[in-house]
Amino acid sequence: SGNRLFLSPLPTDEEALANDVAVDYNGNAYVTNSIGNYIWKVNVKGEASIFSKSPRFTEHPVDRDTPYSYIGLNGIAYVSSGDYLLVVQSNTGKVFKVDADDGTARH
């Protein structure tokens, strides 16, 4: 219908770039922040919070002079069979497995 169901401001106190979105079977949306290198979670009531701000997302940063060094967390997908998220970091090529319950990240 093109009608907005709800609008949820994403909390941040720094520069941010909401990039990609994945939705789990409970209706929670997970949004990557490419500049801040963290993941927001928006629940079905539209309440947003910072879900995962793992130190792994900022390990071994790319040289600041490299083209596109500012594009961090990018693509995200929800994997229902294991209840986790797969998240790609564009500036490093890393893929992270993020627990959909507590936000713990591994690579």
PDB file of N, CA and C in Angstrom:
ATOM      1  N   SER A   1       0.809  -1.191   0.000  1.00  0.00           N
ATOM      2  CA  SER A   1       0.000   0.000   0.000  1.00  0.00           C
ATOM      3  C   SER A   1       0.855   1.258   0.000  1.00  0.00           C
ATOM      4  N   GLY A   2       2.120   1.130   0.389  1.00  0.00           N
ATOM      5  CA  GLY A   2       2.987   2.298   0.444  1.00  0.00           C
ATOM      6  C   GLY A   2       2.820   3.126   1.697  1.00  0.00           C
ATOM      7  N   ASN A   3       1.966   2.690   2.612  1.00  0.00           N
ATOM      8  CA  ASN A   3       1.753   3.424   3.857  1.00  0.00           C
ATOM      9  C   ASN A   3       2.797   3.028   4.886  1.00  0.00           C
ATOM     10  N   ARG A   4       3.320   3.995   5.606  1.00  0.00           N
ATOM     11  CA  ARG A   4       4.294   3.721   6.651  1.00  0.00           C
ATOM     12  C   ARG A   4       3.589   3.056   7.821  1.00  0.00           C
ATOM     13  N   LEU A   5       4.153   1.943   8.305  1.00  0.00           N
ATOM     14  CA  LEU A   5       3.601   1.264   9.469  1.00  0.00           C
ATOM     15  C   LEU A   5       4.091   1.898  10.759  1.00  0.00           C
ATOM     16  N   PHE A   6       5.369   2.202  10.801  1.00  0.00           N
ATOM     17  CA  PHE A   6       5.925   2.958  11.914  1.00  0.00           C
ATOM     18  C   PHE A   6       7.298   3.477  11.515  1.00  0.00           C
ATOM     19  N   LEU A   7       7.762   4.451  12.259  1.00  0.00           N
ATOM     20  CA  LEU A   7       9.078   5.027  12.050  1.00  0.00           C
ATOM     21  C   LEU A   7       9.832   4.886  13.353  1.00  0.00           C
ATOM     22  N   SER A   8      11.030   4.357  13.276  1.00  0.00           N
ATOM     23  CA  SER A   8      11.806   4.143  14.491  1.00  0.00           C
ATOM     24  C   SER A   8      13.157   4.844  14.379  1.00  0.00           C
ATOM     25  N   PRO A   9      13.351   5.955  15.084  1.00  0.00           N
ATOM     26  CA  PRO A   9      14.661   6.608  15.085  1.00  0.00           C
ATOM     27  C   PRO A   9      15.705   5.671  15.692  1.00  0.00           C
ATOM     28  N   LEU A  10      16.859   5.577  15.056  1.00  0.00           N
ATOM     29  CA  LEU A  10      17.925   4.703  15.534  1.00  0.00           C
ATOM     30  C   LEU A  10      18.842   5.502  16.450  1.00  0.00           C
ATOM     31  N   PRO A  11      19.029   5.037  17.701  1.00  0.00           N
ATOM     32  CA  PRO A  11      19.804   5.812  18.672  1.00  0.00           C
ATOM     33  C   PRO A  11      21.289   5.859  18.326  1.00  0.00           C
ATOM     34  N   THR A  12      21.850   7.050  18.374  1.00  0.00           N
ATOM     35  CA  THR A  12      23.288   7.210  18.174  1.00  0.00           C
ATOM     36  C   THR A  12      23.712   8.575  18.689  1.00  0.00           C
ATOM     37  N   ASP A  13      24.943   8.662  19.134  1.00  0.00           N
ATOM     38  CA  ASP A  13      25.475   9.956  19.547  1.00  0.00           C
ATOM     39  C   ASP A  13      26.718  10.293  18.729  1.00  0.00           C
ATOM     40  N   GLU A  14      26.853   9.622  17.599  1.00  0.00           N
ATOM     41  CA  GLU A  14      27.991   9.826  16.715  1.00  0.00           C
ATOM     42  C   GLU A  14      27.515   9.713  15.268  1.00  0.00           C
ATOM     43  N   GLU A  15      28.427   9.886  14.330  1.00  0.00           N
ATOM     44  CA  GLU A  15      28.048   9.728  12.931  1.00  0.00           C
ATOM     45  C   GLU A  15      27.526   8.318  12.707  1.00  0.00           C
ATOM     46  N   ALA A  16      26.533   8.198  11.852  1.00  0.00           N
ATOM     47  CA  ALA A  16      25.946   6.885  11.596  1.00  0.00           C
ATOM     48  C   ALA A  16      25.494   6.799  10.145  1.00  0.00           C
ATOM     49  N   LEU A  17      25.468   5.579   9.644  1.00  0.00           N
ATOM     50  CA  LEU A  17      24.946   5.311   8.314  1.00  0.00           C
ATOM     51  C   LEU A  17      24.221   3.974   8.368  1.00  0.00           C
ATOM     52  N   ALA A  18      22.904   4.020   8.483  1.00  0.00           N
ATOM     53  CA  ALA A  18      22.108   2.791   8.452  1.00  0.00           C
ATOM     54  C   ALA A  18      22.229   2.214   7.052  1.00  0.00           C
ATOM     55  N   ASN A  19      22.632   0.940   6.959  1.00  0.00           N
ATOM     56  CA  ASN A  19      22.940   0.391   5.649  1.00  0.00           C
ATOM     57  C   ASN A  19      21.997  -0.723   5.234  1.00  0.00           C
ATOM     58  N   ASP A  20      22.073  -1.874   5.883  1.00  0.00           N
ATOM     59  CA  ASP A  20      21.286  -3.028   5.456  1.00  0.00           C
ATOM     60  C   ASP A  20      20.407  -3.500   6.609  1.00  0.00           C
ATOM     61  N   VAL A  21      19.366  -4.256   6.267  1.00  0.00           N
ATOM     62  CA  VAL A  21      18.386  -4.715   7.259  1.00  0.00           C
ATOM     63  C   VAL A  21      18.114  -6.197   7.066  1.00  0.00           C
ATOM     64  N   ALA A  22      17.993  -6.922   8.172  1.00  0.00           N
ATOM     65  CA  ALA A  22      17.528  -8.313   8.170  1.00  0.00           C
ATOM     66  C   ALA A  22      16.444  -8.425   9.234  1.00  0.00           C
ATOM     67  N   VAL A  23      15.471  -9.288   8.995  1.00  0.00           N
ATOM     68  CA  VAL A  23      14.351  -9.459   9.925  1.00  0.00           C
ATOM     69  C   VAL A  23      14.276 -10.921  10.341  1.00  0.00           C
ATOM     70  N   ASP A  24      14.136 -11.173  11.661  1.00  0.00           N
ATOM     71  CA  ASP A  24      13.999 -12.549  12.137  1.00  0.00           C
ATOM     72  C   ASP A  24      12.528 -12.964  12.139  1.00  0.00           C
ATOM     73  N   TYR A  25      12.270 -14.221  12.503  1.00  0.00           N
ATOM     74  CA  TYR A  25      10.904 -14.745  12.466  1.00  0.00           C
ATOM     75  C   TYR A  25       9.993 -14.168  13.540  1.00  0.00           C
ATOM     76  N   ASN A  26      10.570 -13.470  14.506  1.00  0.00           N
ATOM     77  CA  ASN A  26       9.759 -12.801  15.528  1.00  0.00           C
ATOM     78  C   ASN A  26       9.403 -11.372  15.136  1.00  0.00           C
ATOM     79  N   GLY A  27       9.928 -10.920  13.996  1.00  0.00           N
ATOM     80  CA  GLY A  27       9.639  -9.574  13.523  1.00  0.00           C
ATOM     81  C   GLY A  27      10.637  -8.518  13.953  1.00  0.00           C
ATOM     82  N   ASN A  28      11.711  -8.920  14.633  1.00  0.00           N
ATOM     83  CA  ASN A  28      12.762  -7.976  15.007  1.00  0.00           C
ATOM     84  C   ASN A  28      13.594  -7.638  13.777  1.00  0.00           C
ATOM     85  N   ALA A  29      13.932  -6.374  13.620  1.00  0.00           N
ATOM     86  CA  ALA A  29      14.779  -5.943  12.508  1.00  0.00           C
ATOM     87  C   ALA A  29      16.172  -5.630  13.046  1.00  0.00           C
ATOM     88  N   TYR A  30      17.186  -6.048  12.309  1.00  0.00           N
ATOM     89  CA  TYR A  30      18.580  -5.787  12.652  1.00  0.00           C
ATOM     90  C   TYR A  30      19.153  -4.911  11.551  1.00  0.00           C
ATOM     91  N   VAL A  31      19.773  -3.797  11.935  1.00  0.00           N
ATOM     92  CA  VAL A  31      20.242  -2.805  10.969  1.00  0.00           C
ATOM     93  C   VAL A  31      21.734  -2.563  11.189  1.00  0.00           C
ATOM     94  N   THR A  32      22.519  -2.659  10.110  1.00  0.00           N
ATOM     95  CA  THR A  32      23.950  -2.389  10.237  1.00  0.00           C
ATOM     96  C   THR A  32      24.222  -0.890  10.183  1.00  0.00           C
ATOM     97  N   ASN A  33      25.192  -0.457  10.983  1.00  0.00           N
ATOM     98  CA  ASN A  33      25.684   0.921  10.959  1.00  0.00           C
ATOM     99  C   ASN A  33      27.079   0.873  10.348  1.00  0.00           C
ATOM    100  N   SER A  34      27.214   1.335   9.118  1.00  0.00           N
ATOM    101  CA  SER A  34      28.476   1.228   8.396  1.00  0.00           C
ATOM    102  C   SER A  34      29.565   2.159   8.905  1.00  0.00           C
ATOM    103  N   ILE A  35      29.207   3.278   9.485  1.00  0.00           N
ATOM    104  CA  ILE A  35      30.227   4.198  10.001  1.00  0.00           C
ATOM    105  C   ILE A  35      30.601   3.831  11.435  1.00  0.00           C
ATOM    106  N   GLY A  36      29.627   3.536  12.270  1.00  0.00           N
ATOM    107  CA  GLY A  36      29.881   3.228  13.673  1.00  0.00           C
ATOM    108  C   GLY A  36      30.294   1.792  13.938  1.00  0.00           C
ATOM    109  N   ASN A  37      30.151   0.904  12.929  1.00  0.00           N
ATOM    110  CA  ASN A  37      30.493  -0.512  13.074  1.00  0.00           C
ATOM    111  C   ASN A  37      29.772  -1.170  14.248  1.00  0.00           C
ATOM    112  N   TYR A  38      28.454  -1.028  14.254  1.00  0.00           N
ATOM    113  CA  TYR A  38      27.642  -1.769  15.209  1.00  0.00           C
ATOM    114  C   TYR A  38      26.296  -2.080  14.589  1.00  0.00           C
ATOM    115  N   ILE A  39      25.487  -2.839  15.327  1.00  0.00           N
ATOM    116  CA  ILE A  39      24.186  -3.290  14.825  1.00  0.00           C
ATOM    117  C   ILE A  39      23.095  -2.786  15.757  1.00  0.00           C
ATOM    118  N   TRP A  40      22.067  -2.184  15.166  1.00  0.00           N
ATOM    119  CA  TRP A  40      20.877  -1.813  15.918  1.00  0.00           C
ATOM    120  C   TRP A  40      19.868  -2.951  15.836  1.00  0.00           C
ATOM    121  N   LYS A  41      18.988  -3.005  16.819  1.00  0.00           N
ATOM    122  CA  LYS A  41      17.854  -3.929  16.792  1.00  0.00           C
ATOM    123  C   LYS A  41      16.590  -3.106  17.016  1.00  0.00           C
ATOM    124  N   VAL A  42      15.600  -3.339  16.163  1.00  0.00           N
ATOM    125  CA  VAL A  42      14.307  -2.677  16.306  1.00  0.00           C
ATOM    126  C   VAL A  42      13.276  -3.769  16.553  1.00  0.00           C
ATOM    127  N   ASN A  43      12.616  -3.733  17.722  1.00  0.00           N
ATOM    128  CA  ASN A  43      11.633  -4.776  18.026  1.00  0.00           C
ATOM    129  C   ASN A  43      10.302  -4.473  17.329  1.00  0.00           C
ATOM    130  N   VAL A  44       9.345  -5.364  17.498  1.00  0.00           N
ATOM    131  CA  VAL A  44       8.063  -5.232  16.793  1.00  0.00           C
ATOM    132  C   VAL A  44       7.248  -4.022  17.256  1.00  0.00           C
ATOM    133  N   LYS A  45       7.606  -3.453  18.403  1.00  0.00           N
ATOM    134  CA  LYS A  45       6.930  -2.237  18.875  1.00  0.00           C
ATOM    135  C   LYS A  45       7.586  -0.977  18.312  1.00  0.00           C
ATOM    136  N   GLY A  46       8.674  -1.171  17.546  1.00  0.00           N
ATOM    137  CA  GLY A  46       9.391  -0.035  16.976  1.00  0.00           C
ATOM    138  C   GLY A  46      10.432   0.558  17.897  1.00  0.00           C
ATOM    139  N   GLU A  47      10.731  -0.125  19.001  1.00  0.00           N
ATOM    140  CA  GLU A  47      11.733   0.353  19.954  1.00  0.00           C
ATOM    141  C   GLU A  47      13.120  -0.069  19.474  1.00  0.00           C
ATOM    142  N   ALA A  48      13.985   0.907  19.274  1.00  0.00           N
ATOM    143  CA  ALA A  48      15.323   0.639  18.747  1.00  0.00           C
ATOM    144  C   ALA A  48      16.374   0.745  19.842  1.00  0.00           C
ATOM    145  N   SER A  49      17.407  -0.092  19.719  1.00  0.00           N
ATOM    146  CA  SER A  49      18.523  -0.056  20.654  1.00  0.00           C
ATOM    147  C   SER A  49      19.775  -0.526  19.924  1.00  0.00           C
ATOM    148  N   ILE A  50      20.923  -0.201  20.510  1.00  0.00           N
ATOM    149  CA  ILE A  50      22.168  -0.741  19.971  1.00  0.00           C
ATOM    150  C   ILE A  50      22.261  -2.176  20.462  1.00  0.00           C
ATOM    151  N   PHE A  51      22.303  -3.111  19.526  1.00  0.00           N
ATOM    152  CA  PHE A  51      22.237  -4.535  19.838  1.00  0.00           C
ATOM    153  C   PHE A  51      23.621  -5.160  19.993  1.00  0.00           C
ATOM    154  N   SER A  52      24.519  -4.882  19.076  1.00  0.00           N
ATOM    155  CA  SER A  52      25.850  -5.482  19.134  1.00  0.00           C
ATOM    156  C   SER A  52      26.894  -4.442  18.754  1.00  0.00           C
ATOM    157  N   LYS A  53      27.772  -4.156  19.704  1.00  0.00           N
ATOM    158  CA  LYS A  53      28.872  -3.210  19.476  1.00  0.00           C
ATOM    159  C   LYS A  53      30.159  -3.928  19.855  1.00  0.00           C
ATOM    160  N   SER A  54      30.363  -5.060  19.210  1.00  0.00           N
ATOM    161  CA  SER A  54      31.479  -5.934  19.535  1.00  0.00           C
ATOM    162  C   SER A  54      32.824  -5.292  19.198  1.00  0.00           C
ATOM    163  N   PRO A  55      33.816  -5.480  20.064  1.00  0.00           N
ATOM    164  CA  PRO A  55      35.161  -4.992  19.746  1.00  0.00           C
ATOM    165  C   PRO A  55      35.726  -5.669  18.492  1.00  0.00           C
ATOM    166  N   ARG A  56      35.209  -6.839  18.151  1.00  0.00           N
ATOM    167  CA  ARG A  56      35.670  -7.528  16.934  1.00  0.00           C
ATOM    168  C   ARG A  56      35.389  -6.705  15.678  1.00  0.00           C
ATOM    169  N   PHE A  57      34.365  -5.882  15.724  1.00  0.00           N
ATOM    170  CA  PHE A  57      34.015  -5.070  14.557  1.00  0.00           C
ATOM    171  C   PHE A  57      35.036  -3.970  14.285  1.00  0.00           C
ATOM    172  N   THR A  58      35.873  -3.653  15.270  1.00  0.00           N
ATOM    173  CA  THR A  58      36.851  -2.579  15.085  1.00  0.00           C
ATOM    174  C   THR A  58      38.292  -3.061  15.220  1.00  0.00           C
ATOM    175  N   GLU A  59      38.526  -4.368  15.255  1.00  0.00           N
ATOM    176  CA  GLU A  59      39.886  -4.901  15.286  1.00  0.00           C
ATOM    177  C   GLU A  59      40.557  -4.681  13.939  1.00  0.00           C
ATOM    178  N   HIS A  60      41.834  -4.378  13.959  1.00  0.00           N
ATOM    179  CA  HIS A  60      42.637  -4.235  12.741  1.00  0.00           C
ATOM    180  C   HIS A  60      41.950  -3.344  11.714  1.00  0.00           C
ATOM    181  N   PRO A  61      41.759  -2.068  12.045  1.00  0.00           N
ATOM    182  CA  PRO A  61      41.086  -1.186  11.082  1.00  0.00           C
ATOM    183  C   PRO A  61      41.895  -1.025   9.805  1.00  0.00           C
ATOM    184  N   VAL A  62      41.193  -0.726   8.743  1.00  0.00           N
ATOM    185  CA  VAL A  62      41.816  -0.495   7.455  1.00  0.00           C
ATOM    186  C   VAL A  62      42.483   0.875   7.476  1.00  0.00           C
ATOM    187  N   ASP A  63      43.543   1.030   6.707  1.00  0.00           N
ATOM    188  CA  ASP A  63      44.225   2.315   6.582  1.00  0.00           C
ATOM    189  C   ASP A  63      43.222   3.399   6.202  1.00  0.00           C
ATOM    190  N   ARG A  64      43.250   4.496   6.907  1.00  0.00           N
ATOM    191  CA  ARG A  64      42.279   5.576   6.683  1.00  0.00           C
ATOM    192  C   ARG A  64      42.361   6.156   5.272  1.00  0.00           C
ATOM    193  N   ASP A  65      43.509   6.000   4.596  1.00  0.00           N
ATOM    194  CA  ASP A  65      43.658   6.557   3.256  1.00  0.00           C
ATOM    195  C   ASP A  65      43.182   5.604   2.164  1.00  0.00           C
ATOM    196  N   THR A  66      42.799   4.408   2.540  1.00  0.00           N
ATOM    197  CA  THR A  66      42.296   3.448   1.571  1.00  0.00           C
ATOM    198  C   THR A  66      40.911   3.882   1.104  1.00  0.00           C
ATOM    199  N   PRO A  67      40.654   3.816  -0.213  1.00  0.00           N
ATOM    200  CA  PRO A  67      39.295   4.164  -0.668  1.00  0.00           C
ATOM    201  C   PRO A  67      38.254   3.298   0.040  1.00  0.00           C
ATOM    202  N   TYR A  68      37.173   3.894   0.425  1.00  0.00           N
ATOM    203  CA  TYR A  68      36.054   3.211   1.078  1.00  0.00           C
ATOM    204  C   TYR A  68      36.392   2.697   2.474  1.00  0.00           C
ATOM    205  N   SER A  69      37.443   3.225   3.107  1.00  0.00           N
ATOM    206  CA  SER A  69      37.808   2.751   4.444  1.00  0.00           C
ATOM    207  C   SER A  69      36.721   3.047   5.470  1.00  0.00           C
ATOM    208  N   TYR A  70      35.843   3.989   5.160  1.00  0.00           N
ATOM    209  CA  TYR A  70      34.787   4.371   6.091  1.00  0.00           C
ATOM    210  C   TYR A  70      33.582   3.433   6.031  1.00  0.00           C
ATOM    211  N   ILE A  71      33.528   2.544   5.063  1.00  0.00           N
ATOM    212  CA  ILE A  71      32.372   1.654   4.932  1.00  0.00           C
ATOM    213  C   ILE A  71      32.659   0.375   5.702  1.00  0.00           C
ATOM    214  N   GLY A  72      32.103   0.262   6.889  1.00  0.00           N
ATOM    215  CA  GLY A  72      32.335  -0.890   7.746  1.00  0.00           C
ATOM    216  C   GLY A  72      31.272  -1.950   7.576  1.00  0.00           C
ATOM    217  N   LEU A  73      30.516  -2.221   8.648  1.00  0.00           N
ATOM    218  CA  LEU A  73      29.478  -3.248   8.581  1.00  0.00           C
ATOM    219  C   LEU A  73      28.492  -2.896   7.481  1.00  0.00           C
ATOM    220  N   ASN A  74      28.159  -3.894   6.681  1.00  0.00           N
ATOM    221  CA  ASN A  74      27.363  -3.621   5.494  1.00  0.00           C
ATOM    222  C   ASN A  74      26.224  -4.619   5.401  1.00  0.00           C
ATOM    223  N   GLY A  75      26.387  -5.677   4.640  1.00  0.00           N
ATOM    224  CA  GLY A  75      25.323  -6.657   4.441  1.00  0.00           C
ATOM    225  C   GLY A  75      25.042  -7.465   5.695  1.00  0.00           C
ATOM    226  N   ILE A  76      23.772  -7.850   5.858  1.00  0.00           N
ATOM    227  CA  ILE A  76      23.366  -8.639   7.022  1.00  0.00           C
ATOM    228  C   ILE A  76      22.267  -9.608   6.604  1.00  0.00           C
ATOM    229  N   ALA A  77      22.326 -10.822   7.141  1.00  0.00           N
ATOM    230  CA  ALA A  77      21.301 -11.831   6.853  1.00  0.00           C
ATOM    231  C   ALA A  77      21.000 -12.601   8.132  1.00  0.00           C
ATOM    232  N   TYR A  78      19.736 -12.938   8.335  1.00  0.00           N
ATOM    233  CA  TYR A  78      19.323 -13.736   9.492  1.00  0.00           C
ATOM    234  C   TYR A  78      19.266 -15.198   9.068  1.00  0.00           C
ATOM    235  N   VAL A  79      19.901 -16.077   9.849  1.00  0.00           N
ATOM    236  CA  VAL A  79      19.906 -17.514   9.579  1.00  0.00           C
ATOM    237  C   VAL A  79      19.049 -18.178  10.644  1.00  0.00           C
ATOM    238  N   SER A  80      17.841 -18.591  10.241  1.00  0.00           N
ATOM    239  CA  SER A  80      16.871 -19.107  11.211  1.00  0.00           C
ATOM    240  C   SER A  80      17.261 -20.461  11.782  1.00  0.00           C
ATOM    241  N   SER A  81      17.955 -21.288  11.009  1.00  0.00           N
ATOM    242  CA  SER A  81      18.279 -22.634  11.488  1.00  0.00           C
ATOM    243  C   SER A  81      19.242 -22.618  12.667  1.00  0.00           C
ATOM    244  N   GLY A  82      19.963 -21.539  12.865  1.00  0.00           N
ATOM    245  CA  GLY A  82      20.879 -21.447  13.992  1.00  0.00           C
ATOM    246  C   GLY A  82      20.644 -20.236  14.856  1.00  0.00           C
ATOM    247  N   ASP A  83      19.648 -19.424  14.518  1.00  0.00           N
ATOM    248  CA  ASP A  83      19.308 -18.203  15.241  1.00  0.00           C
ATOM    249  C   ASP A  83      20.519 -17.285  15.388  1.00  0.00           C
ATOM    250  N   TYR A  84      21.132 -16.969  14.245  1.00  0.00           N
ATOM    251  CA  TYR A  84      22.258 -16.046  14.237  1.00  0.00           C
ATOM    252  C   TYR A  84      22.191 -15.161  13.002  1.00  0.00           C
ATOM    253  N   LEU A  85      23.033 -14.152  13.000  1.00  0.00           N
ATOM    254  CA  LEU A  85      23.139 -13.215  11.884  1.00  0.00           C
ATOM    255  C   LEU A  85      24.500 -13.391  11.230  1.00  0.00           C
ATOM    256  N   LEU A  86      24.553 -13.269   9.923  1.00  0.00           N
ATOM    257  CA  LEU A  86      25.819 -13.183   9.207  1.00  0.00           C
ATOM    258  C   LEU A  86      25.959 -11.742   8.753  1.00  0.00           C
ATOM    259  N   VAL A  87      27.088 -11.145   9.100  1.00  0.00           N
ATOM    260  CA  VAL A  87      27.305  -9.729   8.812  1.00  0.00           C
ATOM    261  C   VAL A  87      28.642  -9.577   8.089  1.00  0.00           C
ATOM    262  N   VAL A  88      28.627  -8.828   6.994  1.00  0.00           N
ATOM    263  CA  VAL A  88      29.833  -8.589   6.201  1.00  0.00           C
ATOM    264  C   VAL A  88      30.357  -7.192   6.499  1.00  0.00           C
ATOM    265  N   GLN A  89      31.678  -7.090   6.605  1.00  0.00           N
ATOM    266  CA  GLN A  89      32.328  -5.797   6.805  1.00  0.00           C
ATOM    267  C   GLN A  89      33.074  -5.449   5.517  1.00  0.00           C
ATOM    268  N   SER A  90      32.597  -4.445   4.813  1.00  0.00           N
ATOM    269  CA  SER A  90      33.126  -4.118   3.489  1.00  0.00           C
ATOM    270  C   SER A  90      34.593  -3.715   3.486  1.00  0.00           C
ATOM    271  N   ASN A  91      35.025  -2.930   4.468  1.00  0.00           N
ATOM    272  CA  ASN A  91      36.390  -2.419   4.411  1.00  0.00           C
ATOM    273  C   ASN A  91      37.452  -3.430   4.827  1.00  0.00           C
ATOM    274  N   THR A  92      37.055  -4.577   5.358  1.00  0.00           N
ATOM    275  CA  THR A  92      38.033  -5.611   5.716  1.00  0.00           C
ATOM    276  C   THR A  92      37.776  -6.930   5.004  1.00  0.00           C
ATOM    277  N   GLY A  93      36.571  -7.125   4.488  1.00  0.00           N
ATOM    278  CA  GLY A  93      36.217  -8.396   3.863  1.00  0.00           C
ATOM    279  C   GLY A  93      35.842  -9.469   4.871  1.00  0.00           C
ATOM    280  N   LYS A  94      35.777  -9.126   6.139  1.00  0.00           N
ATOM    281  CA  LYS A  94      35.447 -10.110   7.175  1.00  0.00           C
ATOM    282  C   LYS A  94      33.956 -10.421   7.172  1.00  0.00           C
ATOM    283  N   VAL A  95      33.645 -11.665   7.555  1.00  0.00           N
ATOM    284  CA  VAL A  95      32.262 -12.089   7.775  1.00  0.00           C
ATOM    285  C   VAL A  95      32.159 -12.479   9.244  1.00  0.00           C
ATOM    286  N   PHE A  96      31.172 -11.924   9.927  1.00  0.00           N
ATOM    287  CA  PHE A  96      30.973 -12.203  11.345  1.00  0.00           C
ATOM    288  C   PHE A  96      29.705 -13.018  11.541  1.00  0.00           C
ATOM    289  N   LYS A  97      29.774 -13.949  12.487  1.00  0.00           N
ATOM    290  CA  LYS A  97      28.592 -14.689  12.933  1.00  0.00           C
ATOM    291  C   LYS A  97      28.191 -14.058  14.261  1.00  0.00           C
ATOM    292  N   VAL A  98      26.987 -13.488  14.297  1.00  0.00           N
ATOM    293  CA  VAL A  98      26.530 -12.753  15.474  1.00  0.00           C
ATOM    294  C   VAL A  98      25.333 -13.475  16.077  1.00  0.00           C
ATOM    295  N   ASP A  99      25.421 -13.826  17.353  1.00  0.00           N
ATOM    296  CA  ASP A  99      24.334 -14.500  18.054  1.00  0.00           C
ATOM    297  C   ASP A  99      23.120 -13.576  18.102  1.00  0.00           C
ATOM    298  N   ALA A 100      21.978 -14.055  17.625  1.00  0.00           N
ATOM    299  CA  ALA A 100      20.766 -13.228  17.565  1.00  0.00           C
ATOM    300  C   ALA A 100      20.129 -13.012  18.936  1.00  0.00           C
ATOM    301  N   ASP A 101      20.584 -13.736  19.955  1.00  0.00           N
ATOM    302  CA  ASP A 101      20.047 -13.538  21.303  1.00  0.00           C
ATOM    303  C   ASP A 101      20.813 -12.483  22.090  1.00  0.00           C
ATOM    304  N   ASP A 102      22.156 -12.567  22.046  1.00  0.00           N
ATOM    305  CA  ASP A 102      22.937 -11.661  22.902  1.00  0.00           C
ATOM    306  C   ASP A 102      23.912 -10.747  22.152  1.00  0.00           C
ATOM    307  N   GLY A 103      24.012 -10.873  20.829  1.00  0.00           N
ATOM    308  CA  GLY A 103      24.864  -9.985  20.045  1.00  0.00           C
ATOM    309  C   GLY A 103      26.337 -10.324  20.033  1.00  0.00           C
ATOM    310  N   THR A 104      26.720 -11.460  20.625  1.00  0.00           N
ATOM    311  CA  THR A 104      28.116 -11.876  20.620  1.00  0.00           C
ATOM    312  C   THR A 104      28.570 -12.137  19.188  1.00  0.00           C
ATOM    313  N   ALA A 105      29.727 -11.584  18.819  1.00  0.00           N
ATOM    314  CA  ALA A 105      30.240 -11.723  17.449  1.00  0.00           C
ATOM    315  C   ALA A 105      31.484 -12.604  17.416  1.00  0.00           C
ATOM    316  N   ARG A 106      31.542 -13.429  16.368  1.00  0.00           N
ATOM    317  CA  ARG A 106      32.732 -14.259  16.097  1.00  0.00           C
ATOM    318  C   ARG A 106      33.065 -14.101  14.626  1.00  0.00           C
ATOM    319  N   HIS A 107      34.315 -14.344  14.279  1.00  0.00           N
ATOM    320  CA  HIS A 107      34.685 -14.369  12.855  1.00  0.00           C
ATOM    321  C   HIS A 107      35.660 -15.470  12.604  1.00  0.00           C
TER     322      HIS A 107
END
